[in-house]
Amino acid sequence: MKKLTLTLASLFLIIHVSNAQVGDTFPEMTGSSLTDEEITVPSATQDKMTLIGIAFSKKAEDDLQTWFQPVWERFIREADPNALIPEMKPDVNVVFIPMFTGLKRGASGSAIRKMQKDVDEKLHPHVIVYSGKMGDYEDLLKMDEKDMPYFYVVNKAGEIIYATSGRSSIKKLNEVEKMVTDY
């Protein structure tokens, strides 16, 4: 997976339980995917449940690295059609959003080019780069710790049904999977 974990880890995702925003609508956020498409979440992903990982600090890298591989394995990677026992995966959207705000906005173009080169092409549609004002996102999404990546499960109506931040754990990953399969 060609520098995938390290590159994505330096950019975005995931997790410590923070239920304050559960039940709220995820705010519209528009960015450019690594396939050069403009995408707005959650409106563009309301066809099914969506996992949204956000980071706006490079210091979140270590915690992000602990999440990417398990999320890839459980939710993105295609199941082997020739497997003896078919693997059942939840059908969800997965979106990683590195946020370039403030002075970092000027670096987003070069960061996108670097990501397009370094990130496995299979992930390009899943990475949306936001470049703009932090605005109300920090308050609306309860992103209190700048050095922490955040992760949200959003239902088809665009409502947050699960929120967490910090390091990955089997317990948290199982909670995410339960949310998308039982909701």
N, C-alpha and C. Protein backbone atom coordinates (compact mmCIF):
# COMPACT_ATOMS: atom_id res chain seq x y z
N MET A 1 0.83 -1.18 0.00
CA MET A 1 0.00 0.00 0.00
C MET A 1 0.87 1.24 0.00
N LYS A 2 1.98 1.19 -0.63
CA LYS A 2 2.84 2.28 -1.05
C LYS A 2 2.73 3.55 -0.22
N LYS A 3 3.48 3.62 0.81
CA LYS A 3 3.55 4.83 1.64
C LYS A 3 2.20 5.29 2.14
N LEU A 4 1.19 4.46 1.97
CA LEU A 4 -0.19 4.85 2.25
C LEU A 4 -0.39 5.26 3.70
N THR A 5 0.00 4.39 4.60
CA THR A 5 -0.26 4.66 6.00
C THR A 5 0.48 5.90 6.47
N LEU A 6 1.76 6.01 6.14
CA LEU A 6 2.54 7.15 6.59
C LEU A 6 2.04 8.45 5.99
N THR A 7 1.77 8.45 4.69
CA THR A 7 1.31 9.68 4.05
C THR A 7 -0.03 10.13 4.59
N LEU A 8 -0.98 9.22 4.64
CA LEU A 8 -2.29 9.60 5.17
C LEU A 8 -2.21 9.94 6.64
N ALA A 9 -1.32 9.26 7.35
CA ALA A 9 -1.20 9.54 8.77
C ALA A 9 -0.74 10.96 9.01
N SER A 10 0.06 11.49 8.14
CA SER A 10 0.52 12.85 8.33
C SER A 10 -0.54 13.87 7.97
N LEU A 11 -1.66 13.41 7.49
CA LEU A 11 -2.68 14.34 7.01
C LEU A 11 -3.96 14.40 7.82
N PHE A 12 -4.53 13.33 8.17
CA PHE A 12 -5.92 13.40 8.67
C PHE A 12 -6.44 12.37 9.64
N LEU A 13 -7.22 11.82 10.08
CA LEU A 13 -8.25 11.04 10.72
C LEU A 13 -8.21 10.97 12.25
N ILE A 14 -8.77 10.71 13.14
CA ILE A 14 -9.57 9.87 14.01
C ILE A 14 -9.58 10.03 15.57
N ILE A 15 -9.72 9.75 16.73
CA ILE A 15 -10.69 9.18 17.66
C ILE A 15 -10.53 9.24 19.23
N HIS A 16 -11.34 9.84 20.28
CA HIS A 16 -11.61 9.81 21.73
C HIS A 16 -13.09 10.16 21.89
N VAL A 17 -13.78 9.45 22.70
CA VAL A 17 -15.24 9.59 22.71
C VAL A 17 -15.65 11.01 23.10
N SER A 18 -16.50 11.58 22.29
CA SER A 18 -16.98 12.95 22.47
C SER A 18 -18.41 13.00 21.96
N ASN A 19 -19.36 12.74 22.82
CA ASN A 19 -20.75 12.61 22.39
C ASN A 19 -21.50 13.93 22.31
N ALA A 20 -20.84 15.05 22.56
CA ALA A 20 -21.55 16.33 22.60
C ALA A 20 -22.25 16.65 21.29
N GLN A 21 -21.70 16.26 20.14
CA GLN A 21 -22.31 16.60 18.87
C GLN A 21 -23.17 15.49 18.29
N VAL A 22 -23.27 14.34 18.92
CA VAL A 22 -24.12 13.27 18.43
C VAL A 22 -25.55 13.78 18.37
N GLY A 23 -26.20 13.57 17.23
CA GLY A 23 -27.54 14.05 17.01
C GLY A 23 -27.58 15.34 16.20
N ASP A 24 -26.46 16.05 16.16
CA ASP A 24 -26.36 17.27 15.37
C ASP A 24 -26.15 16.91 13.90
N THR A 25 -26.47 17.84 13.03
CA THR A 25 -26.21 17.67 11.61
C THR A 25 -24.75 18.00 11.33
N PHE A 26 -24.10 17.15 10.55
CA PHE A 26 -22.72 17.42 10.17
C PHE A 26 -22.72 18.63 9.25
N PRO A 27 -21.89 19.64 9.52
CA PRO A 27 -21.91 20.85 8.69
C PRO A 27 -21.36 20.59 7.29
N GLU A 28 -21.95 21.25 6.30
CA GLU A 28 -21.48 21.11 4.92
C GLU A 28 -20.02 21.56 4.83
N MET A 29 -19.20 20.74 4.19
CA MET A 29 -17.78 21.04 4.02
C MET A 29 -17.40 20.65 2.59
N THR A 30 -16.89 21.60 1.82
CA THR A 30 -16.54 21.35 0.43
C THR A 30 -15.03 21.35 0.27
N GLY A 31 -14.55 20.38 -0.50
CA GLY A 31 -13.12 20.31 -0.79
C GLY A 31 -12.88 19.60 -2.10
N SER A 32 -11.61 19.50 -2.46
CA SER A 32 -11.23 18.84 -3.70
C SER A 32 -10.66 17.47 -3.39
N SER A 33 -11.18 16.46 -4.08
CA SER A 33 -10.65 15.11 -3.89
C SER A 33 -9.32 15.01 -4.64
N LEU A 34 -8.58 13.96 -4.37
CA LEU A 34 -7.32 13.75 -5.08
C LEU A 34 -7.57 13.33 -6.52
N THR A 35 -8.85 13.15 -6.90
CA THR A 35 -9.20 12.90 -8.31
C THR A 35 -9.67 14.20 -8.96
N ASP A 36 -9.41 15.32 -8.30
CA ASP A 36 -9.73 16.67 -8.79
C ASP A 36 -11.23 16.94 -8.92
N GLU A 37 -12.03 16.26 -8.13
CA GLU A 37 -13.47 16.54 -8.11
C GLU A 37 -13.79 17.37 -6.88
N GLU A 38 -14.68 18.34 -7.04
CA GLU A 38 -15.15 19.09 -5.89
C GLU A 38 -16.27 18.29 -5.24
N ILE A 39 -16.13 18.05 -3.94
CA ILE A 39 -17.10 17.22 -3.22
C ILE A 39 -17.53 17.96 -1.95
N THR A 40 -18.82 17.91 -1.66
CA THR A 40 -19.35 18.49 -0.44
C THR A 40 -19.91 17.36 0.41
N VAL A 41 -19.39 17.25 1.63
CA VAL A 41 -19.94 16.28 2.57
C VAL A 41 -20.76 17.04 3.59
N PRO A 42 -21.84 16.50 4.08
CA PRO A 42 -22.33 15.17 3.82
C PRO A 42 -23.28 15.05 2.63
N SER A 43 -23.64 16.15 1.97
CA SER A 43 -24.67 16.06 0.92
C SER A 43 -24.29 15.11 -0.21
N ALA A 44 -23.02 15.02 -0.57
CA ALA A 44 -22.60 14.14 -1.67
C ALA A 44 -22.49 12.68 -1.23
N THR A 45 -22.61 12.43 0.06
CA THR A 45 -22.43 11.06 0.56
C THR A 45 -23.68 10.53 1.25
N GLN A 46 -24.83 11.15 1.01
CA GLN A 46 -26.04 10.75 1.72
C GLN A 46 -26.71 9.51 1.13
N ASP A 47 -26.05 8.83 0.21
CA ASP A 47 -26.61 7.59 -0.32
C ASP A 47 -26.45 6.43 0.65
N LYS A 48 -25.55 6.58 1.62
CA LYS A 48 -25.33 5.54 2.64
C LYS A 48 -24.59 6.15 3.82
N MET A 49 -24.39 5.37 4.85
CA MET A 49 -23.66 5.83 6.03
C MET A 49 -22.28 6.28 5.59
N THR A 50 -21.74 7.28 6.32
CA THR A 50 -20.45 7.83 5.95
C THR A 50 -19.55 7.95 7.17
N LEU A 51 -18.31 7.50 7.02
CA LEU A 51 -17.29 7.67 8.03
C LEU A 51 -16.45 8.86 7.58
N ILE A 52 -16.32 9.86 8.46
CA ILE A 52 -15.59 11.08 8.11
C ILE A 52 -14.48 11.29 9.13
N GLY A 53 -13.25 11.27 8.65
CA GLY A 53 -12.09 11.53 9.49
C GLY A 53 -11.53 12.90 9.16
N ILE A 54 -11.23 13.68 10.20
CA ILE A 54 -10.74 15.05 10.00
C ILE A 54 -9.52 15.28 10.88
N ALA A 55 -8.55 15.99 10.32
CA ALA A 55 -7.42 16.47 11.12
C ALA A 55 -6.99 17.82 10.58
N PHE A 56 -6.57 18.68 11.49
CA PHE A 56 -6.10 19.98 11.06
C PHE A 56 -4.79 20.34 11.73
N SER A 57 -4.02 19.29 12.09
CA SER A 57 -2.72 19.49 12.70
C SER A 57 -1.83 18.29 12.38
N LYS A 58 -0.61 18.55 12.06
CA LYS A 58 0.34 17.46 11.81
C LYS A 58 0.62 16.65 13.08
N LYS A 59 0.38 17.23 14.23
CA LYS A 59 0.64 16.54 15.49
C LYS A 59 -0.30 15.36 15.70
N ALA A 60 -1.35 15.28 14.91
CA ALA A 60 -2.30 14.16 15.03
C ALA A 60 -1.78 12.92 14.32
N GLU A 61 -0.62 12.99 13.70
CA GLU A 61 -0.09 11.91 12.87
C GLU A 61 -0.02 10.56 13.58
N ASP A 62 0.52 10.50 14.77
CA ASP A 62 0.66 9.21 15.45
C ASP A 62 -0.69 8.54 15.69
N ASP A 63 -1.67 9.31 16.15
CA ASP A 63 -2.99 8.73 16.39
C ASP A 63 -3.65 8.34 15.07
N LEU A 64 -3.44 9.12 14.06
CA LEU A 64 -4.00 8.81 12.74
C LEU A 64 -3.45 7.49 12.20
N GLN A 65 -2.17 7.27 12.37
CA GLN A 65 -1.56 6.03 11.89
C GLN A 65 -2.22 4.80 12.52
N THR A 66 -2.68 4.93 13.72
CA THR A 66 -3.30 3.77 14.38
C THR A 66 -4.67 3.44 13.82
N TRP A 67 -5.27 4.36 13.06
CA TRP A 67 -6.61 4.16 12.52
C TRP A 67 -6.66 3.77 11.06
N PHE A 68 -5.73 4.25 10.27
CA PHE A 68 -5.90 4.10 8.84
C PHE A 68 -5.98 2.65 8.38
N GLN A 69 -5.04 1.83 8.79
CA GLN A 69 -5.02 0.43 8.34
C GLN A 69 -6.30 -0.32 8.72
N PRO A 70 -6.77 -0.23 9.97
CA PRO A 70 -8.01 -0.93 10.31
C PRO A 70 -9.23 -0.42 9.53
N VAL A 71 -9.31 0.88 9.30
CA VAL A 71 -10.42 1.43 8.53
C VAL A 71 -10.34 0.92 7.09
N TRP A 72 -9.14 0.90 6.53
CA TRP A 72 -8.94 0.38 5.17
C TRP A 72 -9.42 -1.08 5.10
N GLU A 73 -8.97 -1.89 6.03
CA GLU A 73 -9.29 -3.32 6.01
C GLU A 73 -10.78 -3.58 6.20
N ARG A 74 -11.40 -2.88 7.13
CA ARG A 74 -12.82 -3.16 7.45
C ARG A 74 -13.81 -2.51 6.50
N PHE A 75 -13.47 -1.36 5.92
CA PHE A 75 -14.49 -0.61 5.21
C PHE A 75 -14.18 -0.28 3.74
N ILE A 76 -12.94 -0.24 3.34
CA ILE A 76 -12.62 0.20 1.98
C ILE A 76 -12.17 -0.95 1.08
N ARG A 77 -11.23 -1.74 1.55
CA ARG A 77 -10.65 -2.80 0.74
C ARG A 77 -11.75 -3.74 0.23
N GLU A 78 -11.66 -4.06 -1.05
CA GLU A 78 -12.66 -4.96 -1.62
C GLU A 78 -12.40 -6.38 -1.14
N ALA A 79 -13.47 -7.09 -0.86
CA ALA A 79 -13.38 -8.48 -0.41
C ALA A 79 -12.91 -9.36 -1.56
N ASP A 80 -12.21 -10.42 -1.23
CA ASP A 80 -11.74 -11.37 -2.23
C ASP A 80 -12.93 -12.17 -2.75
N PRO A 81 -13.26 -12.04 -4.05
CA PRO A 81 -14.41 -12.76 -4.59
C PRO A 81 -14.19 -14.27 -4.66
N ASN A 82 -12.93 -14.71 -4.56
CA ASN A 82 -12.61 -16.13 -4.63
C ASN A 82 -12.43 -16.77 -3.25
N ALA A 83 -12.71 -16.03 -2.20
CA ALA A 83 -12.53 -16.54 -0.85
C ALA A 83 -13.50 -17.70 -0.59
N LEU A 84 -13.04 -18.68 0.16
CA LEU A 84 -13.86 -19.83 0.50
C LEU A 84 -15.09 -19.40 1.30
N ILE A 85 -14.88 -18.50 2.25
CA ILE A 85 -15.98 -17.95 3.03
C ILE A 85 -16.10 -16.48 2.66
N PRO A 86 -17.22 -16.08 2.06
CA PRO A 86 -17.37 -14.68 1.63
C PRO A 86 -17.27 -13.72 2.80
N GLU A 87 -16.56 -12.65 2.59
CA GLU A 87 -16.37 -11.62 3.61
C GLU A 87 -17.48 -10.58 3.46
N MET A 88 -18.19 -10.31 4.53
CA MET A 88 -19.27 -9.32 4.51
C MET A 88 -18.75 -8.02 5.10
N LYS A 89 -18.76 -6.97 4.30
CA LYS A 89 -18.30 -5.66 4.77
C LYS A 89 -19.48 -4.69 4.74
N PRO A 90 -19.54 -3.79 5.70
CA PRO A 90 -20.58 -2.77 5.66
C PRO A 90 -20.38 -1.89 4.42
N ASP A 91 -21.46 -1.50 3.80
CA ASP A 91 -21.41 -0.65 2.62
C ASP A 91 -21.50 0.80 3.08
N VAL A 92 -20.36 1.44 3.21
CA VAL A 92 -20.29 2.80 3.72
C VAL A 92 -19.39 3.66 2.83
N ASN A 93 -19.59 4.95 2.92
CA ASN A 93 -18.64 5.90 2.35
C ASN A 93 -17.57 6.15 3.39
N VAL A 94 -16.33 6.34 2.95
CA VAL A 94 -15.25 6.72 3.86
C VAL A 94 -14.58 7.94 3.27
N VAL A 95 -14.48 8.99 4.07
CA VAL A 95 -13.90 10.24 3.60
C VAL A 95 -12.89 10.74 4.64
N PHE A 96 -11.68 11.02 4.18
CA PHE A 96 -10.64 11.60 5.02
C PHE A 96 -10.48 13.06 4.60
N ILE A 97 -10.50 13.97 5.56
CA ILE A 97 -10.44 15.39 5.23
C ILE A 97 -9.29 16.07 5.97
N PRO A 98 -8.18 16.29 5.27
CA PRO A 98 -7.16 17.15 5.86
C PRO A 98 -7.60 18.59 5.68
N MET A 99 -7.57 19.37 6.76
CA MET A 99 -8.02 20.76 6.70
C MET A 99 -6.81 21.69 6.66
N PHE A 100 -6.79 22.56 5.66
CA PHE A 100 -5.76 23.58 5.55
C PHE A 100 -6.44 24.91 5.82
N THR A 101 -6.20 25.45 7.01
CA THR A 101 -6.85 26.68 7.43
C THR A 101 -5.79 27.72 7.79
N GLY A 102 -6.22 28.95 7.88
CA GLY A 102 -5.29 30.01 8.27
C GLY A 102 -4.12 30.12 7.30
N LEU A 103 -2.93 30.26 7.83
CA LEU A 103 -1.74 30.39 7.00
C LEU A 103 -1.43 29.15 6.18
N LYS A 104 -1.92 28.00 6.63
CA LYS A 104 -1.66 26.74 5.91
C LYS A 104 -2.43 26.64 4.60
N ARG A 105 -3.43 27.50 4.40
CA ARG A 105 -4.21 27.44 3.16
C ARG A 105 -3.34 27.58 1.93
N GLY A 106 -2.32 28.40 2.01
CA GLY A 106 -1.43 28.62 0.88
C GLY A 106 -0.66 27.37 0.48
N ALA A 107 -0.50 26.43 1.39
CA ALA A 107 0.25 25.21 1.12
C ALA A 107 -0.63 24.09 0.60
N SER A 108 -1.92 24.29 0.51
CA SER A 108 -2.81 23.19 0.13
C SER A 108 -2.57 22.69 -1.28
N GLY A 109 -2.28 23.58 -2.23
CA GLY A 109 -2.04 23.15 -3.61
C GLY A 109 -0.85 22.22 -3.72
N SER A 110 0.25 22.59 -3.10
CA SER A 110 1.43 21.71 -3.16
C SER A 110 1.20 20.43 -2.37
N ALA A 111 0.42 20.51 -1.28
CA ALA A 111 0.10 19.30 -0.50
C ALA A 111 -0.75 18.34 -1.33
N ILE A 112 -1.71 18.88 -2.09
CA ILE A 112 -2.54 18.03 -2.94
C ILE A 112 -1.68 17.32 -3.98
N ARG A 113 -0.78 18.05 -4.63
CA ARG A 113 0.09 17.43 -5.63
C ARG A 113 0.95 16.34 -5.01
N LYS A 114 1.47 16.58 -3.82
CA LYS A 114 2.30 15.59 -3.14
C LYS A 114 1.45 14.35 -2.79
N MET A 115 0.23 14.58 -2.28
CA MET A 115 -0.64 13.46 -1.94
C MET A 115 -1.02 12.66 -3.18
N GLN A 116 -1.28 13.34 -4.29
CA GLN A 116 -1.64 12.64 -5.53
C GLN A 116 -0.52 11.72 -5.97
N LYS A 117 0.70 12.12 -5.69
CA LYS A 117 1.86 11.31 -6.05
C LYS A 117 2.12 10.19 -5.05
N ASP A 118 1.96 10.47 -3.77
CA ASP A 118 2.36 9.54 -2.72
C ASP A 118 1.27 8.58 -2.24
N VAL A 119 0.03 8.99 -2.32
CA VAL A 119 -1.07 8.18 -1.80
C VAL A 119 -1.50 7.16 -2.85
N ASP A 120 -1.75 5.96 -2.42
CA ASP A 120 -2.24 4.90 -3.30
C ASP A 120 -3.46 5.42 -4.06
N GLU A 121 -3.45 5.23 -5.38
CA GLU A 121 -4.52 5.77 -6.23
C GLU A 121 -5.91 5.26 -5.84
N LYS A 122 -5.99 4.08 -5.25
CA LYS A 122 -7.29 3.56 -4.83
C LYS A 122 -7.94 4.44 -3.78
N LEU A 123 -7.13 5.22 -3.07
CA LEU A 123 -7.67 6.09 -2.02
C LEU A 123 -7.99 7.49 -2.50
N HIS A 124 -7.56 7.87 -3.69
CA HIS A 124 -7.77 9.23 -4.15
C HIS A 124 -9.21 9.72 -4.04
N PRO A 125 -10.21 8.90 -4.37
CA PRO A 125 -11.59 9.40 -4.23
C PRO A 125 -12.02 9.58 -2.77
N HIS A 126 -11.28 8.98 -1.83
CA HIS A 126 -11.65 9.04 -0.41
C HIS A 126 -11.00 10.20 0.33
N VAL A 127 -10.07 10.90 -0.31
CA VAL A 127 -9.36 12.00 0.33
C VAL A 127 -9.88 13.31 -0.25
N ILE A 128 -10.42 14.15 0.62
CA ILE A 128 -10.95 15.45 0.23
C ILE A 128 -10.17 16.51 1.00
N VAL A 129 -9.51 17.38 0.29
CA VAL A 129 -8.72 18.43 0.93
C VAL A 129 -9.56 19.69 1.06
N TYR A 130 -9.74 20.12 2.30
CA TYR A 130 -10.48 21.35 2.58
C TYR A 130 -9.46 22.47 2.77
N SER A 131 -9.65 23.54 2.04
CA SER A 131 -8.79 24.72 2.17
C SER A 131 -9.71 25.92 2.35
N GLY A 132 -9.68 26.50 3.54
CA GLY A 132 -10.57 27.62 3.81
C GLY A 132 -10.50 28.03 5.26
N LYS A 133 -11.53 28.69 5.69
CA LYS A 133 -11.59 29.16 7.07
C LYS A 133 -12.04 28.03 7.99
N MET A 134 -11.50 28.04 9.18
CA MET A 134 -11.94 27.07 10.19
C MET A 134 -13.37 27.39 10.60
N GLY A 135 -13.68 28.68 10.60
CA GLY A 135 -15.04 29.13 10.88
C GLY A 135 -15.65 28.46 12.09
N ASP A 136 -16.86 28.00 11.91
CA ASP A 136 -17.58 27.37 13.01
C ASP A 136 -17.31 25.88 13.13
N TYR A 137 -16.54 25.29 12.20
CA TYR A 137 -16.31 23.84 12.23
C TYR A 137 -15.77 23.38 13.58
N GLU A 138 -14.84 24.12 14.12
CA GLU A 138 -14.23 23.74 15.40
C GLU A 138 -15.28 23.62 16.49
N ASP A 139 -16.19 24.58 16.56
CA ASP A 139 -17.25 24.56 17.58
C ASP A 139 -18.33 23.55 17.26
N LEU A 140 -18.82 23.56 16.02
CA LEU A 140 -19.91 22.66 15.63
C LEU A 140 -19.52 21.19 15.76
N LEU A 141 -18.26 20.87 15.46
CA LEU A 141 -17.82 19.48 15.51
C LEU A 141 -17.10 19.13 16.82
N LYS A 142 -17.07 20.09 17.73
CA LYS A 142 -16.45 19.88 19.05
C LYS A 142 -15.00 19.39 18.91
N MET A 143 -14.27 20.04 18.00
CA MET A 143 -12.86 19.71 17.80
C MET A 143 -12.03 20.61 18.71
N ASP A 144 -12.02 20.27 20.00
CA ASP A 144 -11.40 21.11 21.02
C ASP A 144 -9.88 20.99 21.07
N GLU A 145 -9.36 19.84 20.69
CA GLU A 145 -7.92 19.59 20.75
C GLU A 145 -7.33 19.67 19.35
N LYS A 146 -6.57 20.70 19.07
CA LYS A 146 -6.01 20.89 17.74
C LYS A 146 -5.07 19.75 17.35
N ASP A 147 -4.42 19.15 18.32
CA ASP A 147 -3.46 18.08 18.03
C ASP A 147 -4.09 16.71 17.95
N MET A 148 -5.40 16.65 17.90
CA MET A 148 -6.13 15.39 17.91
C MET A 148 -6.90 15.23 16.61
N PRO A 149 -6.81 14.07 15.95
CA PRO A 149 -7.69 13.83 14.81
C PRO A 149 -9.07 13.41 15.31
N TYR A 150 -10.10 13.65 14.48
CA TYR A 150 -11.48 13.37 14.87
C TYR A 150 -12.14 12.47 13.84
N PHE A 151 -13.11 11.71 14.31
CA PHE A 151 -13.79 10.75 13.45
C PHE A 151 -15.28 10.76 13.76
N TYR A 152 -16.08 10.76 12.70
CA TYR A 152 -17.54 10.83 12.86
C TYR A 152 -18.20 9.77 12.00
N VAL A 153 -19.28 9.20 12.51
CA VAL A 153 -20.16 8.36 11.71
C VAL A 153 -21.41 9.19 11.47
N VAL A 154 -21.74 9.36 10.18
CA VAL A 154 -22.86 10.21 9.79
C VAL A 154 -23.89 9.35 9.05
N ASN A 155 -25.15 9.47 9.44
CA ASN A 155 -26.19 8.67 8.79
C ASN A 155 -26.61 9.28 7.45
N LYS A 156 -27.53 8.64 6.76
CA LYS A 156 -27.97 9.10 5.45
C LYS A 156 -28.60 10.49 5.49
N ALA A 157 -29.14 10.88 6.62
CA ALA A 157 -29.77 12.20 6.77
C ALA A 157 -28.74 13.29 7.09
N GLY A 158 -27.47 12.90 7.22
CA GLY A 158 -26.43 13.87 7.52
C GLY A 158 -26.24 14.15 9.00
N GLU A 159 -26.86 13.33 9.86
CA GLU A 159 -26.74 13.50 11.31
C GLU A 159 -25.58 12.68 11.86
N ILE A 160 -24.88 13.27 12.81
CA ILE A 160 -23.78 12.57 13.47
C ILE A 160 -24.38 11.57 14.45
N ILE A 161 -24.04 10.29 14.28
CA ILE A 161 -24.55 9.27 15.20
C ILE A 161 -23.45 8.70 16.09
N TYR A 162 -22.20 9.06 15.78
CA TYR A 162 -21.08 8.61 16.61
C TYR A 162 -19.93 9.57 16.38
N ALA A 163 -19.22 9.92 17.45
CA ALA A 163 -18.07 10.81 17.34
C ALA A 163 -17.00 10.38 18.33
N THR A 164 -15.76 10.46 17.91
CA THR A 164 -14.66 10.09 18.78
C THR A 164 -13.38 10.73 18.26
N SER A 165 -12.32 10.62 19.01
CA SER A 165 -11.03 11.18 18.61
C SER A 165 -9.92 10.41 19.31
N GLY A 166 -8.70 10.58 18.86
CA GLY A 166 -7.55 9.95 19.51
C GLY A 166 -7.12 8.66 18.85
N ARG A 167 -6.43 7.84 19.61
CA ARG A 167 -5.85 6.60 19.11
C ARG A 167 -6.91 5.53 18.85
N SER A 168 -6.60 4.69 17.89
CA SER A 168 -7.46 3.57 17.55
C SER A 168 -7.43 2.51 18.64
N SER A 169 -8.53 1.81 18.75
CA SER A 169 -8.58 0.63 19.62
C SER A 169 -9.58 -0.33 18.99
N ILE A 170 -9.46 -1.58 19.33
CA ILE A 170 -10.41 -2.57 18.82
C ILE A 170 -11.82 -2.19 19.27
N LYS A 171 -11.95 -1.73 20.52
CA LYS A 171 -13.26 -1.35 21.05
C LYS A 171 -13.88 -0.24 20.21
N LYS A 172 -13.13 0.81 19.89
CA LYS A 172 -13.66 1.92 19.11
C LYS A 172 -14.00 1.47 17.68
N LEU A 173 -13.14 0.69 17.09
CA LEU A 173 -13.39 0.22 15.74
C LEU A 173 -14.64 -0.66 15.70
N ASN A 174 -14.81 -1.49 16.71
CA ASN A 174 -16.01 -2.32 16.81
C ASN A 174 -17.26 -1.46 17.00
N GLU A 175 -17.15 -0.38 17.78
CA GLU A 175 -18.28 0.53 17.97
C GLU A 175 -18.67 1.18 16.64
N VAL A 176 -17.68 1.60 15.86
CA VAL A 176 -17.95 2.20 14.55
C VAL A 176 -18.65 1.18 13.66
N GLU A 177 -18.11 -0.03 13.61
CA GLU A 177 -18.71 -1.06 12.76
C GLU A 177 -20.13 -1.39 13.21
N LYS A 178 -20.37 -1.43 14.51
CA LYS A 178 -21.71 -1.69 15.02
C LYS A 178 -22.67 -0.57 14.61
N MET A 179 -22.20 0.67 14.66
CA MET A 179 -23.05 1.80 14.28
C MET A 179 -23.48 1.69 12.81
N VAL A 180 -22.58 1.29 11.94
CA VAL A 180 -22.93 1.26 10.52
C VAL A 180 -23.69 0.01 10.12
N THR A 181 -23.62 -1.04 10.92
CA THR A 181 -24.36 -2.25 10.58
C THR A 181 -25.70 -2.35 11.29
N ASP A 182 -25.81 -1.74 12.47
CA ASP A 182 -27.04 -1.85 13.25
C ASP A 182 -27.97 -0.66 13.13
N TYR A 183 -27.51 0.45 12.60
CA TYR A 183 -28.30 1.67 12.60
C TYR A 183 -29.47 1.58 11.66
